[in-house]
Amino acid sequence: MAAVAIDAAAAEEAALVARVAAGDDGDPMVALYERYGARLYGLGVRLLGDPGMAEEMVQETFVRLWRGAGRFDPDKGSVRTYTYMIARRVAVDLHRRAASRPLPTTESVEPDEGGIGDSEFEELILGLDLRDALRSLSIKHREILELYLDEDLSQPRIAERLGIPLGTVKTRTYYGLRAMKLELEERGLIA
């Protein structure tokens, strides 16, 4: 049942973007903003560390979504993935934009003091993308992969902890990793 609800929501969102692409930028954009605005703002605060820049990220994400609605292809991914991909690019642009960084004062001449550098920012973005992809998996697959990746447990230890057969753990690991690979490909993180 849950998969049917997810598919229906994805189809509804794809229809909203199609309406935007056809020139209806009123109600569909409002509906998309209501679904994603707060989540994107939270992501922006985590990535950029500044509420003002987070607001700018949200605004620019929706401008790019509006302008690029005609390029959205539901066969290549969901509206959610498309929107987060746009937001990620906007966050990177904002982070790299020299005007958005505070100028160093005479007291602090270290270039990255008090903030994060480009490589740390890219690492944070990748970590958030991986966590988001992991959250998109079924609960049973996610549970196995989190124990394996986060707690570094072996498959026999996972089976013991969850009280399930080792074969079940192996099967869920295989299909969980396969689903994770598809999610990462859909997000453009791997080829």
N, C-alpha and C. Protein backbone atom coordinates (compact mmCIF):
# COMPACT_ATOMS: atom_id res chain seq x y z
N MET A 1 0.81 -1.21 0.00
CA MET A 1 0.00 0.00 0.00
C MET A 1 0.85 1.27 0.00
N ALA A 2 1.94 1.26 0.79
CA ALA A 2 2.78 2.46 0.88
C ALA A 2 3.39 2.81 -0.47
N ALA A 3 3.79 1.80 -1.24
CA ALA A 3 4.38 2.05 -2.55
C ALA A 3 3.36 2.69 -3.49
N VAL A 4 2.10 2.28 -3.39
CA VAL A 4 1.05 2.86 -4.22
C VAL A 4 0.85 4.33 -3.87
N ALA A 5 0.88 4.66 -2.56
CA ALA A 5 0.73 6.05 -2.12
C ALA A 5 1.90 6.90 -2.60
N ILE A 6 3.11 6.33 -2.55
CA ILE A 6 4.30 7.06 -3.02
C ILE A 6 4.21 7.29 -4.52
N ASP A 7 3.80 6.26 -5.26
CA ASP A 7 3.65 6.40 -6.72
C ASP A 7 2.60 7.45 -7.07
N ALA A 8 1.49 7.48 -6.31
CA ALA A 8 0.43 8.46 -6.57
C ALA A 8 0.93 9.87 -6.30
N ALA A 9 1.68 10.04 -5.20
CA ALA A 9 2.23 11.36 -4.87
C ALA A 9 3.24 11.80 -5.93
N ALA A 10 4.08 10.87 -6.38
CA ALA A 10 5.07 11.19 -7.42
C ALA A 10 4.38 11.58 -8.72
N ALA A 11 3.33 10.87 -9.06
CA ALA A 11 2.58 11.19 -10.30
C ALA A 11 1.91 12.56 -10.17
N GLU A 12 1.38 12.85 -9.00
CA GLU A 12 0.73 14.15 -8.78
C GLU A 12 1.75 15.28 -8.90
N GLU A 13 2.94 15.09 -8.32
CA GLU A 13 3.98 16.12 -8.42
C GLU A 13 4.47 16.29 -9.85
N ALA A 14 4.59 15.18 -10.58
CA ALA A 14 5.00 15.25 -11.99
C ALA A 14 3.96 16.03 -12.79
N ALA A 15 2.68 15.84 -12.46
CA ALA A 15 1.61 16.58 -13.14
C ALA A 15 1.70 18.07 -12.82
N LEU A 16 2.06 18.40 -11.59
CA LEU A 16 2.22 19.81 -11.22
C LEU A 16 3.33 20.45 -12.04
N VAL A 17 4.47 19.76 -12.17
CA VAL A 17 5.58 20.31 -12.95
C VAL A 17 5.19 20.41 -14.42
N ALA A 18 4.43 19.46 -14.93
CA ALA A 18 3.96 19.53 -16.32
C ALA A 18 3.08 20.74 -16.53
N ARG A 19 2.24 21.05 -15.54
CA ARG A 19 1.40 22.25 -15.64
C ARG A 19 2.25 23.51 -15.65
N VAL A 20 3.31 23.53 -14.84
CA VAL A 20 4.21 24.69 -14.83
C VAL A 20 4.88 24.82 -16.20
N ALA A 21 5.32 23.70 -16.75
CA ALA A 21 5.97 23.70 -18.08
C ALA A 21 5.02 24.20 -19.15
N ALA A 22 3.71 23.96 -18.96
CA ALA A 22 2.70 24.39 -19.93
C ALA A 22 2.31 25.86 -19.74
N GLY A 23 2.88 26.52 -18.73
CA GLY A 23 2.62 27.94 -18.54
C GLY A 23 1.79 28.29 -17.32
N ASP A 24 1.29 27.32 -16.59
CA ASP A 24 0.50 27.58 -15.38
C ASP A 24 1.46 27.67 -14.20
N ASP A 25 1.86 28.90 -13.87
CA ASP A 25 2.84 29.06 -12.79
C ASP A 25 2.21 29.53 -11.48
N GLY A 26 0.91 29.46 -11.36
CA GLY A 26 0.25 29.88 -10.13
C GLY A 26 0.11 28.75 -9.13
N ASP A 27 -1.03 28.07 -9.16
CA ASP A 27 -1.33 27.02 -8.19
C ASP A 27 -0.30 25.90 -8.15
N PRO A 28 0.21 25.42 -9.30
CA PRO A 28 1.20 24.34 -9.22
C PRO A 28 2.47 24.75 -8.46
N MET A 29 2.95 25.95 -8.68
CA MET A 29 4.15 26.40 -7.96
C MET A 29 3.86 26.56 -6.47
N VAL A 30 2.67 27.05 -6.14
CA VAL A 30 2.29 27.17 -4.72
C VAL A 30 2.27 25.79 -4.07
N ALA A 31 1.68 24.80 -4.77
CA ALA A 31 1.62 23.45 -4.23
C ALA A 31 3.02 22.85 -4.05
N LEU A 32 3.90 23.06 -5.01
CA LEU A 32 5.26 22.55 -4.90
C LEU A 32 6.01 23.26 -3.77
N TYR A 33 5.78 24.56 -3.63
CA TYR A 33 6.43 25.29 -2.55
C TYR A 33 5.95 24.78 -1.19
N GLU A 34 4.66 24.52 -1.07
CA GLU A 34 4.12 24.01 0.19
C GLU A 34 4.73 22.66 0.54
N ARG A 35 5.02 21.85 -0.46
CA ARG A 35 5.60 20.53 -0.21
C ARG A 35 7.08 20.59 0.11
N TYR A 36 7.81 21.48 -0.53
CA TYR A 36 9.26 21.45 -0.43
C TYR A 36 9.92 22.67 0.21
N GLY A 37 9.20 23.77 0.33
CA GLY A 37 9.82 25.01 0.82
C GLY A 37 10.49 24.88 2.17
N ALA A 38 9.78 24.36 3.16
CA ALA A 38 10.34 24.25 4.52
C ALA A 38 11.51 23.28 4.57
N ARG A 39 11.38 22.16 3.86
CA ARG A 39 12.47 21.17 3.86
C ARG A 39 13.71 21.73 3.18
N LEU A 40 13.52 22.46 2.09
CA LEU A 40 14.66 23.07 1.41
C LEU A 40 15.31 24.14 2.28
N TYR A 41 14.49 24.88 3.01
CA TYR A 41 15.04 25.90 3.91
C TYR A 41 15.91 25.24 4.98
N GLY A 42 15.42 24.16 5.57
CA GLY A 42 16.20 23.43 6.57
C GLY A 42 17.51 22.92 5.99
N LEU A 43 17.45 22.40 4.78
CA LEU A 43 18.66 21.95 4.10
C LEU A 43 19.61 23.12 3.88
N GLY A 44 19.06 24.26 3.46
CA GLY A 44 19.89 25.44 3.22
C GLY A 44 20.58 25.94 4.47
N VAL A 45 19.88 25.92 5.60
CA VAL A 45 20.50 26.34 6.86
C VAL A 45 21.65 25.40 7.22
N ARG A 46 21.42 24.09 7.05
CA ARG A 46 22.48 23.12 7.36
C ARG A 46 23.67 23.28 6.43
N LEU A 47 23.41 23.50 5.15
CA LEU A 47 24.50 23.58 4.18
C LEU A 47 25.25 24.90 4.23
N LEU A 48 24.49 25.99 4.35
CA LEU A 48 25.09 27.31 4.21
C LEU A 48 25.33 28.01 5.54
N GLY A 49 24.68 27.52 6.60
CA GLY A 49 24.91 28.07 7.93
C GLY A 49 24.36 29.46 8.15
N ASP A 50 23.47 29.92 7.29
CA ASP A 50 22.95 31.28 7.41
C ASP A 50 21.50 31.29 6.95
N PRO A 51 20.58 31.76 7.81
CA PRO A 51 19.16 31.77 7.42
C PRO A 51 18.88 32.61 6.17
N GLY A 52 19.56 33.73 6.02
CA GLY A 52 19.35 34.58 4.85
C GLY A 52 19.77 33.88 3.56
N MET A 53 20.91 33.21 3.61
CA MET A 53 21.37 32.49 2.43
C MET A 53 20.47 31.27 2.17
N ALA A 54 19.95 30.67 3.23
CA ALA A 54 19.02 29.54 3.07
C ALA A 54 17.76 30.01 2.36
N GLU A 55 17.25 31.18 2.73
CA GLU A 55 16.08 31.74 2.05
C GLU A 55 16.38 32.00 0.58
N GLU A 56 17.57 32.54 0.33
CA GLU A 56 17.97 32.80 -1.05
C GLU A 56 18.08 31.50 -1.84
N MET A 57 18.59 30.44 -1.19
CA MET A 57 18.69 29.14 -1.85
C MET A 57 17.31 28.61 -2.23
N VAL A 58 16.34 28.73 -1.32
CA VAL A 58 14.98 28.26 -1.59
C VAL A 58 14.39 29.04 -2.75
N GLN A 59 14.52 30.36 -2.70
CA GLN A 59 13.96 31.20 -3.76
C GLN A 59 14.57 30.85 -5.12
N GLU A 60 15.88 30.74 -5.17
CA GLU A 60 16.56 30.44 -6.43
C GLU A 60 16.23 29.04 -6.91
N THR A 61 16.05 28.11 -6.00
CA THR A 61 15.66 26.74 -6.38
C THR A 61 14.32 26.76 -7.10
N PHE A 62 13.35 27.49 -6.55
CA PHE A 62 12.04 27.52 -7.19
C PHE A 62 12.04 28.31 -8.49
N VAL A 63 12.89 29.32 -8.59
CA VAL A 63 13.02 30.04 -9.87
C VAL A 63 13.57 29.09 -10.94
N ARG A 64 14.60 28.33 -10.57
CA ARG A 64 15.18 27.39 -11.53
C ARG A 64 14.21 26.25 -11.85
N LEU A 65 13.44 25.81 -10.87
CA LEU A 65 12.44 24.78 -11.11
C LEU A 65 11.39 25.30 -12.10
N TRP A 66 10.96 26.53 -11.90
CA TRP A 66 9.98 27.16 -12.79
C TRP A 66 10.53 27.28 -14.21
N ARG A 67 11.77 27.79 -14.31
CA ARG A 67 12.37 27.97 -15.64
C ARG A 67 12.68 26.64 -16.33
N GLY A 68 13.04 25.63 -15.55
CA GLY A 68 13.44 24.35 -16.13
C GLY A 68 12.36 23.29 -16.12
N ALA A 69 11.13 23.67 -15.83
CA ALA A 69 10.04 22.69 -15.73
C ALA A 69 9.88 21.88 -17.01
N GLY A 70 10.14 22.49 -18.15
CA GLY A 70 10.01 21.79 -19.42
C GLY A 70 11.07 20.72 -19.62
N ARG A 71 12.16 20.79 -18.88
CA ARG A 71 13.24 19.80 -19.00
C ARG A 71 13.04 18.61 -18.06
N PHE A 72 12.07 18.71 -17.16
CA PHE A 72 11.84 17.61 -16.22
C PHE A 72 11.29 16.40 -16.96
N ASP A 73 11.90 15.25 -16.71
CA ASP A 73 11.47 13.99 -17.33
C ASP A 73 11.13 13.00 -16.22
N PRO A 74 9.85 12.69 -16.01
CA PRO A 74 9.47 11.78 -14.93
C PRO A 74 10.02 10.37 -15.10
N ASP A 75 10.44 10.01 -16.30
CA ASP A 75 11.04 8.69 -16.51
C ASP A 75 12.46 8.62 -15.96
N LYS A 76 13.09 9.76 -15.76
CA LYS A 76 14.46 9.79 -15.26
C LYS A 76 14.55 9.98 -13.76
N GLY A 77 13.46 10.37 -13.12
CA GLY A 77 13.48 10.56 -11.67
C GLY A 77 12.25 11.30 -11.19
N SER A 78 12.15 11.42 -9.90
CA SER A 78 10.99 12.06 -9.28
C SER A 78 11.17 13.57 -9.21
N VAL A 79 10.08 14.27 -8.96
CA VAL A 79 10.13 15.72 -8.76
C VAL A 79 10.99 16.02 -7.53
N ARG A 80 10.85 15.19 -6.53
CA ARG A 80 11.63 15.36 -5.30
C ARG A 80 13.12 15.33 -5.61
N THR A 81 13.56 14.33 -6.34
CA THR A 81 14.97 14.23 -6.71
C THR A 81 15.40 15.41 -7.57
N TYR A 82 14.58 15.78 -8.53
CA TYR A 82 14.87 16.90 -9.41
C TYR A 82 15.01 18.20 -8.61
N THR A 83 14.10 18.41 -7.68
CA THR A 83 14.11 19.63 -6.87
C THR A 83 15.35 19.68 -5.97
N TYR A 84 15.68 18.56 -5.34
CA TYR A 84 16.86 18.53 -4.47
C TYR A 84 18.15 18.66 -5.27
N MET A 85 18.16 18.14 -6.48
CA MET A 85 19.33 18.30 -7.33
C MET A 85 19.53 19.78 -7.67
N ILE A 86 18.44 20.47 -7.98
CA ILE A 86 18.52 21.91 -8.25
C ILE A 86 19.01 22.64 -6.99
N ALA A 87 18.43 22.31 -5.84
CA ALA A 87 18.81 22.96 -4.59
C ALA A 87 20.29 22.74 -4.27
N ARG A 88 20.76 21.54 -4.53
CA ARG A 88 22.17 21.24 -4.27
C ARG A 88 23.06 22.12 -5.13
N ARG A 89 22.69 22.27 -6.41
CA ARG A 89 23.48 23.13 -7.31
C ARG A 89 23.44 24.59 -6.86
N VAL A 90 22.27 25.04 -6.44
CA VAL A 90 22.13 26.42 -5.97
C VAL A 90 22.99 26.63 -4.73
N ALA A 91 22.96 25.67 -3.80
CA ALA A 91 23.76 25.80 -2.57
C ALA A 91 25.24 25.87 -2.91
N VAL A 92 25.69 25.06 -3.84
CA VAL A 92 27.09 25.11 -4.26
C VAL A 92 27.41 26.46 -4.87
N ASP A 93 26.53 26.97 -5.73
CA ASP A 93 26.73 28.29 -6.34
C ASP A 93 26.82 29.38 -5.28
N LEU A 94 25.90 29.34 -4.32
CA LEU A 94 25.90 30.36 -3.27
C LEU A 94 27.14 30.26 -2.40
N HIS A 95 27.55 29.04 -2.11
CA HIS A 95 28.75 28.86 -1.28
C HIS A 95 30.00 29.39 -1.97
N ARG A 96 30.05 29.18 -3.26
CA ARG A 96 31.24 29.59 -4.01
C ARG A 96 31.23 31.06 -4.40
N ARG A 97 30.08 31.66 -4.39
CA ARG A 97 29.99 33.06 -4.80
C ARG A 97 30.75 33.94 -3.80
N ALA A 98 31.73 34.62 -4.28
CA ALA A 98 32.60 35.40 -3.39
C ALA A 98 31.82 36.46 -2.62
N ALA A 99 30.80 37.04 -3.22
CA ALA A 99 30.04 38.09 -2.56
C ALA A 99 29.26 37.57 -1.36
N SER A 100 29.02 36.28 -1.30
CA SER A 100 28.23 35.73 -0.20
C SER A 100 29.07 35.42 1.02
N ARG A 101 30.38 35.45 0.88
CA ARG A 101 31.27 35.16 2.00
C ARG A 101 31.65 36.46 2.70
N PRO A 102 31.69 36.42 4.01
CA PRO A 102 32.12 37.63 4.72
C PRO A 102 33.59 37.92 4.42
N LEU A 103 33.88 39.21 4.30
CA LEU A 103 35.25 39.61 4.05
C LEU A 103 36.07 39.43 5.32
N PRO A 104 37.32 38.97 5.19
CA PRO A 104 38.14 38.80 6.39
C PRO A 104 38.47 40.15 7.00
N THR A 105 38.49 40.19 8.31
CA THR A 105 38.87 41.42 9.01
C THR A 105 40.36 41.37 9.30
N THR A 106 40.89 42.45 9.83
CA THR A 106 42.31 42.46 10.15
C THR A 106 42.63 41.50 11.29
N GLU A 107 41.62 41.19 12.12
CA GLU A 107 41.86 40.26 13.22
C GLU A 107 41.91 38.81 12.75
N SER A 108 41.23 38.48 11.65
CA SER A 108 41.25 37.09 11.18
C SER A 108 41.60 37.07 9.71
N VAL A 109 42.80 36.64 9.45
CA VAL A 109 43.26 36.58 8.07
C VAL A 109 43.30 35.15 7.54
N GLU A 110 42.93 34.18 8.38
CA GLU A 110 42.86 32.80 7.92
C GLU A 110 41.68 32.67 6.96
N PRO A 111 41.85 32.10 5.77
CA PRO A 111 40.79 32.08 4.77
C PRO A 111 39.53 31.31 5.17
N ASP A 112 39.64 30.22 5.89
CA ASP A 112 38.47 29.42 6.20
C ASP A 112 38.11 29.47 7.68
N GLU A 113 38.69 30.38 8.42
CA GLU A 113 38.41 30.46 9.85
C GLU A 113 36.94 30.81 10.08
N GLY A 114 36.28 30.03 10.90
CA GLY A 114 34.89 30.31 11.22
C GLY A 114 33.91 29.76 10.20
N GLY A 115 34.36 29.21 9.13
CA GLY A 115 33.47 28.66 8.12
C GLY A 115 34.01 27.35 7.61
N ILE A 116 33.36 26.82 6.61
CA ILE A 116 33.85 25.58 6.05
C ILE A 116 34.41 25.84 4.67
N GLY A 117 35.45 25.11 4.32
CA GLY A 117 36.08 25.26 3.02
C GLY A 117 35.30 24.51 1.95
N ASP A 118 35.73 24.69 0.72
CA ASP A 118 35.05 24.06 -0.41
C ASP A 118 35.02 22.55 -0.30
N SER A 119 36.14 21.94 0.08
CA SER A 119 36.16 20.47 0.15
C SER A 119 35.26 19.97 1.28
N GLU A 120 35.23 20.67 2.41
CA GLU A 120 34.34 20.28 3.50
C GLU A 120 32.88 20.46 3.09
N PHE A 121 32.60 21.51 2.34
CA PHE A 121 31.25 21.76 1.86
C PHE A 121 30.80 20.64 0.92
N GLU A 122 31.66 20.27 -0.03
CA GLU A 122 31.35 19.19 -0.95
C GLU A 122 31.12 17.88 -0.20
N GLU A 123 31.93 17.64 0.82
CA GLU A 123 31.78 16.43 1.63
C GLU A 123 30.44 16.44 2.37
N LEU A 124 30.06 17.60 2.88
CA LEU A 124 28.78 17.73 3.58
C LEU A 124 27.62 17.49 2.61
N ILE A 125 27.69 18.06 1.43
CA ILE A 125 26.65 17.86 0.41
C ILE A 125 26.54 16.37 0.07
N LEU A 126 27.67 15.72 -0.17
CA LEU A 126 27.65 14.31 -0.51
C LEU A 126 27.07 13.48 0.63
N GLY A 127 27.45 13.79 1.86
CA GLY A 127 26.91 13.08 3.01
C GLY A 127 25.40 13.22 3.12
N LEU A 128 24.91 14.43 2.89
CA LEU A 128 23.46 14.65 2.93
C LEU A 128 22.76 13.91 1.80
N ASP A 129 23.37 13.90 0.62
CA ASP A 129 22.80 13.17 -0.51
C ASP A 129 22.73 11.68 -0.20
N LEU A 130 23.79 11.14 0.39
CA LEU A 130 23.82 9.72 0.73
C LEU A 130 22.78 9.39 1.79
N ARG A 131 22.67 10.24 2.81
CA ARG A 131 21.67 10.02 3.87
C ARG A 131 20.26 10.09 3.30
N ASP A 132 20.03 11.04 2.41
CA ASP A 132 18.71 11.18 1.81
C ASP A 132 18.38 9.95 0.95
N ALA A 133 19.37 9.47 0.20
CA ALA A 133 19.16 8.27 -0.61
C ALA A 133 18.89 7.07 0.28
N LEU A 134 19.59 6.96 1.39
CA LEU A 134 19.37 5.86 2.32
C LEU A 134 17.96 5.92 2.91
N ARG A 135 17.49 7.12 3.23
CA ARG A 135 16.14 7.28 3.79
C ARG A 135 15.06 6.89 2.79
N SER A 136 15.38 6.90 1.52
CA SER A 136 14.37 6.57 0.51
C SER A 136 14.16 5.06 0.38
N LEU A 137 15.02 4.26 0.98
CA LEU A 137 14.90 2.81 0.89
C LEU A 137 13.79 2.30 1.81
N SER A 138 13.38 1.06 1.58
CA SER A 138 12.39 0.45 2.47
C SER A 138 12.99 0.34 3.87
N ILE A 139 12.14 0.28 4.86
CA ILE A 139 12.61 0.22 6.26
C ILE A 139 13.51 -1.00 6.48
N LYS A 140 13.13 -2.14 5.95
CA LYS A 140 13.92 -3.36 6.16
C LYS A 140 15.30 -3.26 5.53
N HIS A 141 15.39 -2.70 4.32
CA HIS A 141 16.69 -2.54 3.68
C HIS A 141 17.52 -1.47 4.39
N ARG A 142 16.88 -0.37 4.75
CA ARG A 142 17.59 0.72 5.43
C ARG A 142 18.15 0.24 6.76
N GLU A 143 17.36 -0.51 7.52
CA GLU A 143 17.79 -0.99 8.83
C GLU A 143 19.07 -1.82 8.71
N ILE A 144 19.12 -2.72 7.73
CA ILE A 144 20.30 -3.57 7.52
C ILE A 144 21.50 -2.71 7.14
N LEU A 145 21.31 -1.80 6.18
CA LEU A 145 22.44 -0.99 5.71
C LEU A 145 22.94 -0.03 6.78
N GLU A 146 22.05 0.51 7.60
CA GLU A 146 22.50 1.40 8.68
C GLU A 146 23.34 0.64 9.70
N LEU A 147 22.92 -0.58 10.05
CA LEU A 147 23.72 -1.38 10.98
C LEU A 147 25.07 -1.73 10.38
N TYR A 148 25.07 -2.02 9.09
CA TYR A 148 26.30 -2.37 8.40
C TYR A 148 27.23 -1.17 8.25
N LEU A 149 26.67 -0.04 7.80
CA LEU A 149 27.50 1.13 7.51
C LEU A 149 27.79 1.98 8.74
N ASP A 150 26.77 2.26 9.55
CA ASP A 150 26.94 3.16 10.69
C ASP A 150 27.60 2.48 11.88
N GLU A 151 27.20 1.23 12.13
CA GLU A 151 27.72 0.54 13.31
C GLU A 151 28.80 -0.47 12.97
N ASP A 152 29.10 -0.61 11.69
CA ASP A 152 30.15 -1.49 11.21
C ASP A 152 29.98 -2.93 11.70
N LEU A 153 28.73 -3.39 11.71
CA LEU A 153 28.45 -4.76 12.14
C LEU A 153 28.57 -5.71 10.95
N SER A 154 29.03 -6.91 11.23
CA SER A 154 29.09 -7.95 10.20
C SER A 154 27.68 -8.50 9.99
N GLN A 155 27.49 -9.21 8.89
CA GLN A 155 26.18 -9.78 8.62
C GLN A 155 25.74 -10.76 9.71
N PRO A 156 26.62 -11.63 10.21
CA PRO A 156 26.18 -12.51 11.31
C PRO A 156 25.76 -11.73 12.56
N ARG A 157 26.47 -10.65 12.86
CA ARG A 157 26.11 -9.82 14.04
C ARG A 157 24.78 -9.11 13.82
N ILE A 158 24.53 -8.68 12.58
CA ILE A 158 23.24 -8.04 12.27
C ILE A 158 22.11 -9.05 12.45
N ALA A 159 22.32 -10.26 11.95
CA ALA A 159 21.31 -11.31 12.09
C ALA A 159 21.04 -11.58 13.57
N GLU A 160 22.08 -11.64 14.34
CA GLU A 160 21.95 -11.88 15.78
C GLU A 160 21.19 -10.74 16.45
N ARG A 161 21.57 -9.51 16.14
CA ARG A 161 20.93 -8.35 16.77
C ARG A 161 19.44 -8.26 16.42
N LEU A 162 19.12 -8.50 15.14
CA LEU A 162 17.73 -8.38 14.70
C LEU A 162 16.91 -9.65 14.93
N GLY A 163 17.59 -10.74 15.24
CA GLY A 163 16.89 -11.99 15.47
C GLY A 163 16.27 -12.57 14.20
N ILE A 164 17.00 -12.41 13.09
CA ILE A 164 16.52 -12.93 11.81
C ILE A 164 17.60 -13.84 11.23
N PRO A 165 17.24 -14.72 10.30
CA PRO A 165 18.24 -15.62 9.71
C PRO A 165 19.32 -14.86 8.93
N LEU A 166 20.52 -15.42 8.93
CA LEU A 166 21.64 -14.83 8.21
C LEU A 166 21.32 -14.68 6.72
N GLY A 167 20.64 -15.67 6.15
CA GLY A 167 20.26 -15.59 4.74
C GLY A 167 19.38 -14.39 4.44
N THR A 168 18.49 -14.06 5.37
CA THR A 168 17.63 -12.88 5.21
C THR A 168 18.46 -11.61 5.22
N VAL A 169 19.44 -11.55 6.11
CA VAL A 169 20.33 -10.38 6.18
C VAL A 169 21.10 -10.23 4.86
N LYS A 170 21.60 -11.34 4.35
CA LYS A 170 22.36 -11.29 3.09
C LYS A 170 21.48 -10.83 1.93
N THR A 171 20.26 -11.34 1.89
CA THR A 171 19.33 -10.95 0.82
C THR A 171 18.97 -9.48 0.92
N ARG A 172 18.66 -9.02 2.12
CA ARG A 172 18.30 -7.61 2.30
C ARG A 172 19.48 -6.70 2.03
N THR A 173 20.68 -7.14 2.37
CA THR A 173 21.88 -6.35 2.08
C THR A 173 22.04 -6.20 0.57
N TYR A 174 21.93 -7.31 -0.14
CA TYR A 174 22.08 -7.29 -1.60
C TYR A 174 21.06 -6.36 -2.24
N TYR A 175 19.79 -6.55 -1.91
CA TYR A 175 18.76 -5.73 -2.54
C TYR A 175 18.79 -4.28 -2.03
N GLY A 176 19.19 -4.08 -0.80
CA GLY A 176 19.33 -2.72 -0.27
C GLY A 176 20.43 -1.96 -0.99
N LEU A 177 21.58 -2.61 -1.20
CA LEU A 177 22.68 -1.97 -1.92
C LEU A 177 22.30 -1.70 -3.38
N ARG A 178 21.56 -2.64 -3.96
CA ARG A 178 21.10 -2.45 -5.34
C ARG A 178 20.16 -1.25 -5.44
N ALA A 179 19.22 -1.15 -4.50
CA ALA A 179 18.29 -0.02 -4.48
C ALA A 179 19.03 1.29 -4.22
N MET A 180 20.03 1.25 -3.34
CA MET A 180 20.83 2.44 -3.04
C MET A 180 21.58 2.89 -4.29
N LYS A 181 22.14 1.95 -5.05
CA LYS A 181 22.84 2.28 -6.29
C LYS A 181 21.89 2.97 -7.27
N LEU A 182 20.68 2.44 -7.41
CA LEU A 182 19.70 3.06 -8.31
C LEU A 182 19.34 4.47 -7.85
N GLU A 183 19.18 4.66 -6.55
CA GLU A 183 18.87 5.98 -6.01
C GLU A 183 20.00 6.97 -6.33
N LEU A 184 21.24 6.53 -6.13
CA LEU A 184 22.39 7.41 -6.38
C LEU A 184 22.54 7.72 -7.87
N GLU A 185 22.23 6.74 -8.72
CA GLU A 185 22.26 7.00 -10.17
C GLU A 185 21.19 8.00 -10.54
N GLU A 186 19.98 7.84 -9.96
CA GLU A 186 18.88 8.75 -10.24
C GLU A 186 19.22 10.18 -9.83
N ARG A 187 19.99 10.32 -8.79
CA ARG A 187 20.37 11.64 -8.29
C ARG A 187 21.60 12.20 -9.02
N GLY A 188 22.16 11.42 -9.93
CA GLY A 188 23.32 11.88 -10.68
C GLY A 188 24.60 11.85 -9.89
N LEU A 189 24.66 11.08 -8.80
CA LEU A 189 25.85 11.01 -7.97
C LEU A 189 26.84 9.96 -8.44
N ILE A 190 26.33 8.96 -9.16
CA ILE A 190 27.20 7.96 -9.77
C ILE A 190 26.70 7.69 -11.18
N ALA A 191 27.59 7.19 -12.01
CA ALA A 191 27.21 6.91 -13.40
C ALA A 191 26.85 5.45 -13.59
